[in-house]
Amino acid sequence: MVLLFLFLSLPLVHGNNFYYNENSCNDLRPRRKSSTAGEEPVFGSNANRPPYNTGAFVPGQNQANNQPGFQGQPGEAILTTGPSPFYIKSSNLQYKKNRIIKVELLGSQPFDAFLIQARAMFSLNSGQSGMGGAAPGSGPLGKWISVPKGASSLNCQRIPSSAAVDDNKMQQLKNMTFKWQYSEGNIGDIVFVASVLIGDRYWLVMSDRLRWNPFPSDLSGCGTNKSCFRLCPYWQSNCPLSAAIIVAMFETSSQYGGDVVAITLKGDTSQNQNFVAVGFGKDPVRLNKLDINACFRDNGQIMLANYFQESPTSTPFLQSGVIVPEITDADGSELWCRFRRPIRGTGSNLISLNQPLYQFYFRGLQNSTGIYLPRRNSIYTTSSPRNLTVFFNDIIYGNSPKATSSLYLTILFSLTSVFMKNS
């Protein structure tokens, strides 16, 4: 009975002492509760605090400073260094405008309180308090559109729902799942960061980096400083990228060097199709000596490859070392791929693209033995040879949204080509 009395008389460390609020948004430190109010009257505003942690947060390590045994200031929660029992997992390692990402705060043991937010990597390296402080222009990113039971959203820096925290109901929490959305432009690599509290000790944890995803690409500059092609359903009068069945963009600007072209491909891979391709050649009838660049799904992964078809009766064979991948993405049935390849061909099986060539656009099936070209009437061909050093903006309208039109399609809409000097 005496032992039970002593146990019940112990103070509740989390429930009475520490919690996360708006003052925690910058440095991710839990704040001490007042005995009479929900704020911290002892230490004053966060802006007047000294920079207790002087090192930048290191990816993959559960520490925010390089001082072993760091214990914080008297009366404050203690930052725990060393291996963390917690980690953050995201459903995607690429973020883009309006994409919803599932974020999980996981661990081997329950915890009392937490704060989680998304931050740009550059904002974690200023060497100020907590997670590196706030670099100019930095701050929490995106919006936490869904939080689990035991959590609530928090307005950091007056930005609605820019962080998620526990609901301060003094309950044990474990393995929480959120949904986060970003609606702005490219800010470089980002991470999810969290502060997790047990009693009077807390850990700082960071997710893997998320890269910016540029898809869907921008149509600005089509016909003036890059070449664009879209295959569209017949009813789409202006054919936005979201409605196009196949999209191809070619950029030969100086940023890629004079002998390299950057190609972006998009394809709707529904109806048992798993690749989208653009081919180059001089024979629009028999498709002899066809240089094929394909973007395809392979066991859940998005892959890129270059093939060469000698004749209509031969199987396209794989050519390695031609394509240099940049970034890929899958959004439902849509595939997006961006890659670089030489403009000038080397050898007899790699066609030079700095000459007039027909372009062939198609979708089909790929497996471990290679790619299979679709039926002849499902391969879309430009009406005349094109030189990639001459910018164009073409839209081809198919007979149906599933691409079952004839080989030669009338180009119903073509912006005036703008010529560029051959480099």
Protein backbone atom coordinates (compact mmCIF):
# COMPACT_ATOMS: atom_id res chain seq x y z
CA MET A 1 0.00 0.00 0.00
CA VAL A 2 2.87 2.34 0.83
CA LEU A 3 4.55 1.60 -2.50
CA LEU A 4 1.30 2.25 -4.39
CA PHE A 5 0.92 5.57 -2.59
CA LEU A 6 4.48 6.60 -3.46
CA PHE A 7 3.97 5.70 -7.12
CA LEU A 8 0.77 7.68 -7.41
CA SER A 9 2.37 10.66 -5.75
CA LEU A 10 5.16 10.95 -8.39
CA PRO A 11 4.75 13.98 -10.69
CA LEU A 12 3.61 13.41 -14.27
CA VAL A 13 6.62 14.78 -16.16
CA HIS A 14 5.03 15.19 -19.60
CA GLY A 15 1.54 16.11 -18.48
CA ASN A 16 2.66 18.85 -16.12
CA ASN A 17 6.00 20.04 -17.45
CA PHE A 18 6.54 20.11 -21.24
CA TYR A 19 4.58 20.51 -24.44
CA TYR A 20 4.94 21.87 -27.99
CA ASN A 21 3.41 25.15 -29.11
CA GLU A 22 4.01 27.90 -31.69
CA ASN A 23 7.28 28.83 -29.97
CA SER A 24 8.58 25.34 -30.83
CA CYS A 25 8.15 25.82 -34.59
CA ASN A 26 11.61 27.22 -35.21
CA ASP A 27 13.94 25.18 -32.99
CA LEU A 28 11.64 22.18 -32.32
CA ARG A 29 12.24 22.36 -28.55
CA PRO A 30 9.39 21.44 -26.19
CA ARG A 31 8.39 24.27 -23.87
CA ARG A 32 7.91 24.14 -20.12
CA LYS A 33 4.32 24.57 -19.01
CA SER A 34 3.37 27.13 -16.42
CA SER A 35 1.66 25.85 -13.31
CA THR A 36 -1.14 28.35 -13.86
CA ALA A 37 -1.31 28.79 -17.62
CA GLY A 38 -0.51 27.01 -20.81
CA GLU A 39 2.50 29.18 -21.63
CA GLU A 40 6.06 29.41 -20.36
CA PRO A 41 6.52 32.50 -18.13
CA VAL A 42 10.03 31.68 -16.94
CA PHE A 43 12.30 31.99 -19.97
CA GLY A 44 10.66 34.74 -22.02
CA SER A 45 10.31 34.75 -25.81
CA ASN A 46 12.11 32.32 -28.06
CA ALA A 47 13.82 35.22 -29.83
CA ASN A 48 15.74 36.07 -26.63
CA ARG A 49 17.06 32.57 -26.01
CA PRO A 50 20.77 31.88 -26.54
CA PRO A 51 21.70 29.43 -29.32
CA TYR A 52 22.11 26.37 -27.13
CA ASN A 53 22.70 23.98 -30.03
CA THR A 54 25.43 25.22 -32.32
CA GLY A 55 25.72 22.53 -34.98
CA ALA A 56 23.62 21.88 -38.05
CA PHE A 57 21.36 18.84 -38.16
CA VAL A 58 23.16 15.96 -39.89
CA PRO A 59 21.00 13.75 -42.17
CA GLY A 60 20.68 10.23 -40.83
CA GLN A 61 21.80 11.13 -37.31
CA ASN A 62 19.60 11.79 -34.32
CA GLN A 63 21.39 14.85 -33.04
CA ALA A 64 21.29 18.57 -33.68
CA ASN A 65 24.69 19.46 -32.31
CA ASN A 66 28.21 18.11 -32.12
CA GLN A 67 28.58 18.27 -28.37
CA PRO A 68 28.39 14.75 -26.84
CA GLY A 69 26.38 14.57 -23.63
CA PHE A 70 24.54 17.84 -24.31
CA GLN A 71 21.93 18.26 -21.59
CA GLY A 72 20.38 21.67 -22.32
CA GLN A 73 19.84 24.44 -19.78
CA PRO A 74 18.48 23.97 -16.24
CA GLY A 75 14.71 23.56 -16.20
CA GLU A 76 14.46 22.73 -19.91
CA ALA A 77 13.72 19.45 -21.66
CA ILE A 78 16.88 17.49 -22.42
CA LEU A 79 17.94 16.88 -26.01
CA THR A 80 18.98 13.22 -26.25
CA THR A 81 21.81 12.41 -28.63
CA GLY A 82 22.82 9.05 -30.00
CA PRO A 83 20.69 6.40 -31.74
CA SER A 84 17.03 7.31 -31.91
CA PRO A 85 14.14 4.92 -31.25
CA PHE A 86 12.10 6.91 -33.80
CA TYR A 87 12.21 7.48 -37.54
CA ILE A 88 10.16 9.14 -40.30
CA LYS A 89 8.98 7.37 -43.45
CA SER A 90 7.40 9.05 -46.49
CA SER A 91 5.41 7.38 -49.27
CA ASN A 92 7.36 9.22 -51.98
CA LEU A 93 10.89 10.58 -52.28
CA GLN A 94 9.78 13.24 -54.74
CA TYR A 95 7.50 16.18 -54.00
CA LYS A 96 5.65 18.27 -56.54
CA LYS A 97 2.85 20.80 -56.66
CA ASN A 98 -0.40 19.43 -55.18
CA ARG A 99 0.96 15.91 -54.63
CA ILE A 100 -0.31 14.31 -51.41
CA ILE A 101 2.37 12.37 -49.51
CA LYS A 102 1.78 9.93 -46.68
CA VAL A 103 4.15 10.60 -43.79
CA GLU A 104 4.63 8.15 -40.91
CA LEU A 105 6.23 8.85 -37.53
CA LEU A 106 7.33 5.42 -36.36
CA GLY A 107 9.28 3.99 -33.46
CA SER A 108 9.98 1.08 -31.15
CA GLN A 109 8.34 2.65 -28.12
CA PRO A 110 5.45 4.98 -27.17
CA PHE A 111 6.02 8.69 -26.71
CA ASP A 112 4.30 11.55 -24.90
CA ALA A 113 4.35 14.45 -27.37
CA PHE A 114 5.72 15.45 -30.77
CA LEU A 115 5.95 18.16 -33.41
CA ILE A 116 6.50 17.40 -37.10
CA GLN A 117 6.92 19.68 -40.12
CA ALA A 118 8.50 19.86 -43.57
CA ARG A 119 11.55 22.04 -44.09
CA ALA A 120 13.87 22.95 -46.94
CA MET A 121 17.33 21.46 -46.53
CA PHE A 122 19.00 24.86 -46.77
CA SER A 123 17.06 26.05 -43.71
CA LEU A 124 18.68 23.37 -41.53
CA ASN A 125 22.25 24.52 -41.99
CA SER A 126 22.44 28.00 -40.49
CA GLY A 127 24.03 26.78 -37.25
CA GLN A 128 21.53 28.41 -34.91
CA SER A 129 19.36 26.79 -32.27
CA GLY A 130 17.61 23.45 -32.54
CA MET A 131 17.46 22.10 -36.08
CA GLY A 132 19.81 24.79 -37.32
CA GLY A 133 17.44 27.71 -36.87
CA ALA A 134 15.70 29.57 -39.66
CA ALA A 135 17.68 30.71 -42.67
CA PRO A 136 16.41 33.76 -44.59
CA GLY A 137 13.24 32.83 -46.43
CA SER A 138 12.97 29.47 -44.73
CA GLY A 139 10.16 28.09 -42.63
CA PRO A 140 7.67 25.25 -42.51
CA LEU A 141 6.49 24.05 -45.89
CA GLY A 142 3.19 22.69 -47.16
CA LYS A 143 0.05 21.78 -45.27
CA TRP A 144 -0.80 18.81 -43.06
CA ILE A 145 -4.19 17.96 -44.54
CA SER A 146 -4.85 14.85 -42.45
CA VAL A 147 -3.71 14.03 -38.91
CA PRO A 148 -4.49 10.89 -36.87
CA LYS A 149 -6.27 10.55 -33.57
CA GLY A 150 -4.21 12.09 -30.79
CA ALA A 151 -2.83 14.84 -33.06
CA SER A 152 -3.85 18.27 -34.31
CA SER A 153 -2.53 20.80 -36.80
CA LEU A 154 -0.47 23.82 -35.73
CA ASN A 155 -0.10 27.21 -37.39
CA CYS A 156 3.63 27.87 -37.47
CA GLN A 157 4.68 31.39 -38.46
CA ARG A 158 0.96 32.10 -38.96
CA ILE A 159 0.85 29.60 -41.83
CA PRO A 160 -2.31 27.45 -41.47
CA SER A 161 -1.67 23.77 -40.68
CA SER A 162 2.05 24.06 -41.43
CA ALA A 163 2.93 21.59 -38.66
CA ALA A 164 1.31 18.76 -36.74
CA VAL A 165 1.55 18.20 -32.97
CA ASP A 166 0.01 15.97 -30.33
CA ASP A 167 -3.32 17.20 -28.94
CA ASN A 168 -1.84 17.70 -25.44
CA LYS A 169 -4.18 15.22 -23.76
CA MET A 170 -1.44 13.42 -21.83
CA GLN A 171 -1.83 10.11 -23.62
CA GLN A 172 0.75 7.65 -24.91
CA LEU A 173 1.26 7.81 -28.68
CA LYS A 174 2.90 5.47 -31.17
CA ASN A 175 3.24 4.98 -34.95
CA MET A 176 1.24 7.88 -36.37
CA THR A 177 0.28 8.43 -40.02
CA PHE A 178 -0.31 11.84 -41.63
CA LYS A 179 -1.02 13.27 -45.07
CA TRP A 180 0.96 16.28 -46.27
CA GLN A 181 0.51 18.43 -49.39
CA TYR A 182 2.66 21.08 -51.04
CA SER A 183 1.21 23.72 -53.36
CA GLU A 184 4.15 25.98 -54.25
CA GLY A 185 7.15 25.78 -56.58
CA ASN A 186 10.62 24.28 -56.42
CA ILE A 187 12.55 25.06 -53.22
CA GLY A 188 15.25 22.42 -53.63
CA ASP A 189 15.56 19.28 -51.54
CA ILE A 190 13.25 19.06 -48.53
CA VAL A 191 12.93 16.78 -45.49
CA PHE A 192 10.38 16.00 -42.81
CA VAL A 193 11.71 16.77 -39.33
CA ALA A 194 10.19 15.85 -35.98
CA SER A 195 10.82 16.44 -32.30
CA VAL A 196 9.63 13.53 -30.14
CA LEU A 197 9.26 13.81 -26.34
CA ILE A 198 9.29 11.16 -23.63
CA GLY A 199 9.12 12.58 -20.11
CA ASP A 200 11.66 15.39 -19.97
CA ARG A 201 13.81 14.10 -22.85
CA TYR A 202 13.35 14.62 -26.57
CA TRP A 203 14.87 13.39 -29.84
CA LEU A 204 15.23 15.16 -33.19
CA VAL A 205 14.71 12.97 -36.26
CA MET A 206 14.79 13.57 -39.99
CA SER A 207 13.40 11.72 -43.01
CA ASP A 208 15.28 10.93 -46.19
CA ARG A 209 15.56 13.83 -48.61
CA LEU A 210 12.75 14.48 -51.09
CA ARG A 211 13.71 15.84 -54.51
CA TRP A 212 11.61 18.32 -56.48
CA ASN A 213 9.59 16.68 -59.24
CA PRO A 214 9.11 19.00 -62.26
CA PHE A 215 6.24 17.04 -63.81
CA PRO A 216 3.96 17.86 -65.46
CA SER A 217 6.36 19.96 -67.49
CA ASP A 218 5.69 23.50 -68.63
CA LEU A 219 4.50 24.26 -72.17
CA SER A 220 6.04 27.72 -72.09
CA GLY A 221 8.78 28.07 -74.69
CA CYS A 222 7.32 25.44 -77.03
CA GLY A 223 8.18 26.51 -80.57
CA THR A 224 10.51 29.28 -79.42
CA ASN A 225 13.28 27.70 -77.36
CA LYS A 226 12.28 24.06 -77.26
CA SER A 227 10.37 21.60 -79.46
CA CYS A 228 7.10 20.03 -78.30
CA PHE A 229 4.75 17.30 -79.51
CA ARG A 230 1.36 16.28 -78.10
CA LEU A 231 -0.98 13.47 -79.14
CA CYS A 232 -4.48 14.39 -77.97
CA PRO A 233 -8.04 13.05 -78.03
CA TYR A 234 -9.99 14.53 -80.90
CA TRP A 235 -12.32 16.51 -78.60
CA GLN A 236 -9.53 18.42 -76.80
CA SER A 237 -9.42 21.78 -78.57
CA ASN A 238 -6.41 23.16 -76.68
CA CYS A 239 -5.04 19.88 -75.27
CA PRO A 240 -3.51 20.63 -71.85
CA LEU A 241 -0.71 18.35 -70.70
CA SER A 242 -3.07 16.55 -68.34
CA ALA A 243 -5.28 15.49 -71.28
CA ALA A 244 -2.54 14.49 -73.73
CA ILE A 245 -2.04 10.78 -74.42
CA ILE A 246 1.62 11.23 -75.41
CA VAL A 247 3.86 14.24 -74.77
CA ALA A 248 7.44 14.78 -75.96
CA MET A 249 9.68 17.80 -75.41
CA PHE A 250 13.16 18.35 -76.82
CA GLU A 251 15.64 20.90 -75.44
CA THR A 252 18.96 21.59 -77.12
CA SER A 253 19.93 24.80 -75.31
CA SER A 254 23.49 25.61 -74.33
CA GLN A 255 22.90 24.44 -70.75
CA TYR A 256 23.10 20.88 -72.05
CA GLY A 257 26.09 21.44 -74.29
CA GLY A 258 26.14 21.48 -78.05
CA ASP A 259 26.05 17.70 -78.49
CA VAL A 260 23.30 16.72 -76.03
CA VAL A 261 19.51 16.85 -76.21
CA ALA A 262 17.27 16.65 -73.14
CA ILE A 263 14.06 14.71 -73.84
CA THR A 264 10.91 14.64 -71.70
CA LEU A 265 8.35 11.90 -72.38
CA LYS A 266 4.87 11.42 -70.98
CA GLY A 267 2.56 8.53 -71.79
CA ASP A 268 -0.77 7.15 -70.64
CA THR A 269 0.04 3.48 -70.01
CA SER A 270 -3.48 2.25 -69.37
CA GLN A 271 -5.02 -0.65 -71.32
CA ASN A 272 -2.19 -3.13 -70.65
CA GLN A 273 0.54 -0.89 -72.04
CA ASN A 274 3.66 -0.29 -70.00
CA PHE A 275 5.92 1.92 -72.13
CA VAL A 276 5.91 5.13 -74.13
CA ALA A 277 8.55 5.80 -76.78
CA VAL A 278 9.80 8.23 -79.38
CA GLY A 279 11.65 6.91 -82.42
CA PHE A 280 13.77 8.64 -85.05
CA GLY A 281 14.34 7.45 -88.60
CA LYS A 282 14.29 8.23 -92.31
CA ASP A 283 11.86 5.54 -93.45
CA PRO A 284 8.25 6.44 -92.51
CA VAL A 285 6.78 3.42 -94.33
CA ARG A 286 8.79 0.35 -93.32
CA LEU A 287 10.51 1.78 -90.22
CA ASN A 288 13.94 0.56 -91.27
CA LYS A 289 16.86 1.61 -89.05
CA LEU A 290 14.71 3.05 -86.26
CA ASP A 291 16.36 4.64 -83.20
CA ILE A 292 13.94 4.13 -80.26
CA ASN A 293 13.99 5.83 -76.84
CA ALA A 294 11.60 4.19 -74.36
CA CYS A 295 10.30 4.91 -70.85
CA PHE A 296 8.65 1.90 -69.20
CA ARG A 297 7.55 0.20 -65.99
CA ASP A 298 9.51 -2.84 -64.84
CA ASN A 299 8.46 -4.55 -61.60
CA GLY A 300 7.17 -1.31 -60.17
CA GLN A 301 10.25 0.68 -61.20
CA ILE A 302 10.42 3.26 -63.99
CA MET A 303 13.24 2.52 -66.43
CA LEU A 304 14.74 4.12 -69.54
CA ALA A 305 16.38 2.39 -72.50
CA ASN A 306 17.52 2.93 -76.08
CA TYR A 307 16.78 0.32 -78.78
CA PHE A 308 17.65 0.00 -82.46
CA GLN A 309 15.43 -1.73 -85.01
CA GLU A 310 17.21 -2.76 -88.17
CA SER A 311 14.06 -3.71 -90.15
CA PRO A 312 10.33 -4.38 -89.58
CA THR A 313 11.03 -8.11 -89.32
CA SER A 314 13.82 -7.77 -86.76
CA THR A 315 13.44 -7.44 -82.99
CA PRO A 316 14.64 -4.11 -81.54
CA PHE A 317 17.86 -4.72 -79.63
CA LEU A 318 19.01 -2.90 -76.52
CA GLN A 319 21.85 -0.37 -76.73
CA SER A 320 23.51 0.50 -73.43
CA GLY A 321 25.28 3.74 -72.55
CA VAL A 322 23.11 5.95 -74.77
CA ILE A 323 20.58 7.39 -72.30
CA VAL A 324 21.47 9.34 -69.16
CA PRO A 325 18.43 9.43 -66.82
CA GLU A 326 17.54 12.68 -65.05
CA ILE A 327 14.22 12.09 -63.28
CA THR A 328 11.17 9.82 -63.62
CA ASP A 329 7.70 9.74 -62.10
CA ALA A 330 4.52 7.65 -62.13
CA ASP A 331 1.17 9.21 -61.32
CA GLY A 332 -1.54 6.59 -61.70
CA SER A 333 -1.38 5.32 -65.27
CA GLU A 334 0.81 8.24 -66.41
CA LEU A 335 4.55 7.85 -66.87
CA TRP A 336 6.91 10.84 -66.98
CA CYS A 337 10.59 10.48 -67.87
CA ARG A 338 13.32 13.01 -68.47
CA PHE A 339 16.71 11.99 -69.86
CA ARG A 340 19.66 13.13 -71.97
CA ARG A 341 21.27 11.53 -75.00
CA PRO A 342 23.82 12.52 -77.67
CA ILE A 343 22.64 14.52 -80.66
CA ARG A 344 25.43 13.19 -82.84
CA GLY A 345 25.36 9.46 -83.45
CA THR A 346 28.39 7.26 -82.95
CA GLY A 347 28.59 4.07 -84.95
CA SER A 348 26.04 2.65 -87.37
CA ASN A 349 23.28 1.96 -84.84
CA LEU A 350 22.90 5.38 -83.21
CA ILE A 351 21.29 7.97 -85.46
CA SER A 352 22.47 11.59 -85.40
CA LEU A 353 19.55 13.82 -84.46
CA ASN A 354 20.97 17.01 -86.02
CA GLN A 355 19.46 16.13 -89.40
CA PRO A 356 15.90 15.97 -90.78
CA LEU A 357 14.25 12.82 -89.40
CA TYR A 358 10.73 11.52 -89.05
CA GLN A 359 9.59 11.13 -85.48
CA PHE A 360 7.50 8.16 -84.40
CA TYR A 361 5.43 8.20 -81.19
CA PHE A 362 3.85 5.07 -79.75
CA ARG A 363 3.03 2.99 -76.68
CA GLY A 364 3.23 -0.75 -76.21
CA LEU A 365 4.45 -3.66 -74.11
CA GLN A 366 7.92 -4.34 -72.73
CA ASN A 367 9.22 -7.37 -70.86
CA SER A 368 12.52 -9.05 -70.04
CA THR A 369 13.12 -9.88 -73.70
CA GLY A 370 12.68 -6.33 -74.96
CA ILE A 371 9.99 -4.04 -76.36
CA TYR A 372 7.22 -4.91 -78.79
CA LEU A 373 6.10 -2.29 -81.25
CA PRO A 374 2.34 -1.85 -81.55
CA ARG A 375 0.35 -2.41 -84.71
CA ARG A 376 1.28 -0.15 -87.57
CA ASN A 377 -1.87 1.96 -87.26
CA SER A 378 -1.01 2.83 -83.64
CA ILE A 379 2.33 4.43 -84.45
CA TYR A 380 2.02 8.19 -84.89
CA THR A 381 4.35 9.80 -87.40
CA THR A 382 5.11 13.43 -88.11
CA SER A 383 3.98 14.55 -91.55
CA SER A 384 7.50 15.57 -92.59
CA PRO A 385 11.08 15.12 -91.37
CA ARG A 386 12.03 17.31 -88.40
CA ASN A 387 15.41 18.61 -87.30
CA LEU A 388 15.74 19.00 -83.54
CA THR A 389 17.74 22.17 -84.06
CA VAL A 390 14.59 23.71 -85.58
CA PHE A 391 12.02 24.36 -82.89
CA PHE A 392 8.43 23.24 -83.46
CA ASN A 393 5.19 22.89 -81.51
CA ASP A 394 2.91 20.21 -82.96
CA ILE A 395 -0.40 18.79 -81.81
CA ILE A 396 -1.79 15.64 -83.43
CA TYR A 397 -5.41 14.73 -82.82
CA GLY A 398 -6.24 11.02 -82.79
CA ASN A 399 -9.54 9.42 -83.74
CA SER A 400 -10.08 8.37 -80.13
CA PRO A 401 -8.48 8.92 -76.74
CA LYS A 402 -7.05 5.38 -76.91
CA ALA A 403 -4.86 6.06 -79.93
CA THR A 404 -6.37 3.87 -82.66
CA SER A 405 -5.79 6.14 -85.64
CA SER A 406 -3.96 5.67 -88.92
CA LEU A 407 -0.21 5.90 -89.42
CA TYR A 408 -0.29 9.29 -91.06
CA LEU A 409 -2.34 11.81 -89.15
CA THR A 410 -3.11 15.32 -90.23
CA ILE A 411 -1.41 17.89 -88.06
CA LEU A 412 -4.34 20.11 -87.30
CA PHE A 413 -2.43 22.60 -85.29
CA SER A 414 1.20 23.65 -85.65
CA LEU A 415 2.73 26.83 -84.36
CA THR A 416 5.16 28.62 -86.58
CA SER A 417 8.60 27.02 -86.28
CA VAL A 418 11.37 29.25 -85.02
CA PHE A 419 14.75 28.48 -86.47
CA MET A 420 17.91 28.24 -84.44
CA LYS A 421 21.39 28.25 -85.82
CA ASN A 422 23.03 24.87 -85.88
CA SER A 423 25.61 24.66 -83.16
